[in-house]
Amino acid sequence: MERPNTIEAERLVREFKKGPRAVDGIDLRVEPGEIYGFLGPNGAGKSTTVLMLTTLLPPTAGTARVAGYDVVREGPDVRATIGAALQEAALDGLLTGREHLRLQATLQGLPRAERPARADELLERVGLMEAADRKVRGYSGGMKRRLDLALALVHRPRVLFLDEPTTGLDPQSRAALWTEVGRLAREEGVTVFLTTQYLEEADVLADRVGIIDHGRIVAEGTPAELKAQVGRPTVEAMPADERIADVLARFGEPVPSAKGVAVRLAGDADLTAIVRALDAKGLLVDNLQLHQPTLDDVFLAKTGRSLEGAGDEEEAASRGLAMQPAA
């Protein structure tokens, strides 16, 4: 009987000797066919978690199972089940895109007769057919990331790990990758574990989101659930006029605004009622905006900082694969 495409971790820890406790006892479960967005700044533990779940780094403590296989005791079974596109694409600049895919198909043990068709199918899927016979050293950054995704899909994995797959991509390449990831989950039932620093990416793609900070998961839920935890919508009016502020105060709690005056709406107050109240007082505004809570608001509320401006501790931890785990 085929095992479910789940990802599970219990009290998972990774501690580096003379280094940080990069992952500090996290619990998580990703359901079959789900896209799970893993958010956090550099140094939070995202990549270290992925390295453990993909068997590239042993846990210091705790357990993890991918597709039903233990990442420590059943590493070969985990690796046969998953696909992974990590932060650094391992590509050979002297090979073409097509040659990369055929080589990967050979390494994955696909029957010889299937390899050319599988390579063409994936090149078409990621939009690289026209560049298939060009050497990869001439590819743009976006093309390399798309080729890396195709390589991760050669053996039809049931679970896919994507570690910041769109970092540095132009908007068109990013949108194309989003489309393919969504299709994989929706049409093929692939479970996707996606780490990202792009809040928009998590909001668009993820069925559920986990926010990790200092090695611990500080929030988890659907994007809508997390945004609902932060609070109600905010209305902002410009210019900053005391009379306008008095009207807005009838509809909610005043909050800081760098450009004008703003309130966090209370109860069932809405923009239409505010416009009518301003009109009744004969007050004109240059701009009136309704701001819905965003994942950016959630992240700031849960961690006290934004994704931008975080340190690079996690990158250093990821490079520390040769370091011994602490006793």
Foldseek 3Di string as FASTA:
>chain_A
DFFFQKKWWAQFWFFFVVAARQAGGETDMFGFLFEEEEEEAASQNPVVVVCQQLLNFPTPDTWMDGSRHTSPPPVVVSNLQEFEQAPDQPFDQAAFLLVLQLVLCVVNPPPPVCRNVLSCVLCVLLVNNVRRRPGCVPDDPLVSLSSSVSSRCSSPHQEYEYEASCVPHDPVSVVSVLVSVQCCSPPVRRYYYYYHQDQVSCLPRGQKYFYTGSNYTQDIGGQVVLLVVLAAKKKFFDDADPVLQVLQVVFADWDDDPHYTMGRGDDPDDPVVSVVSCVVVVHDTPDMDIGRGGVQSSNCVRHVDGNPPDDNSNVVVVVVSVTDTDD
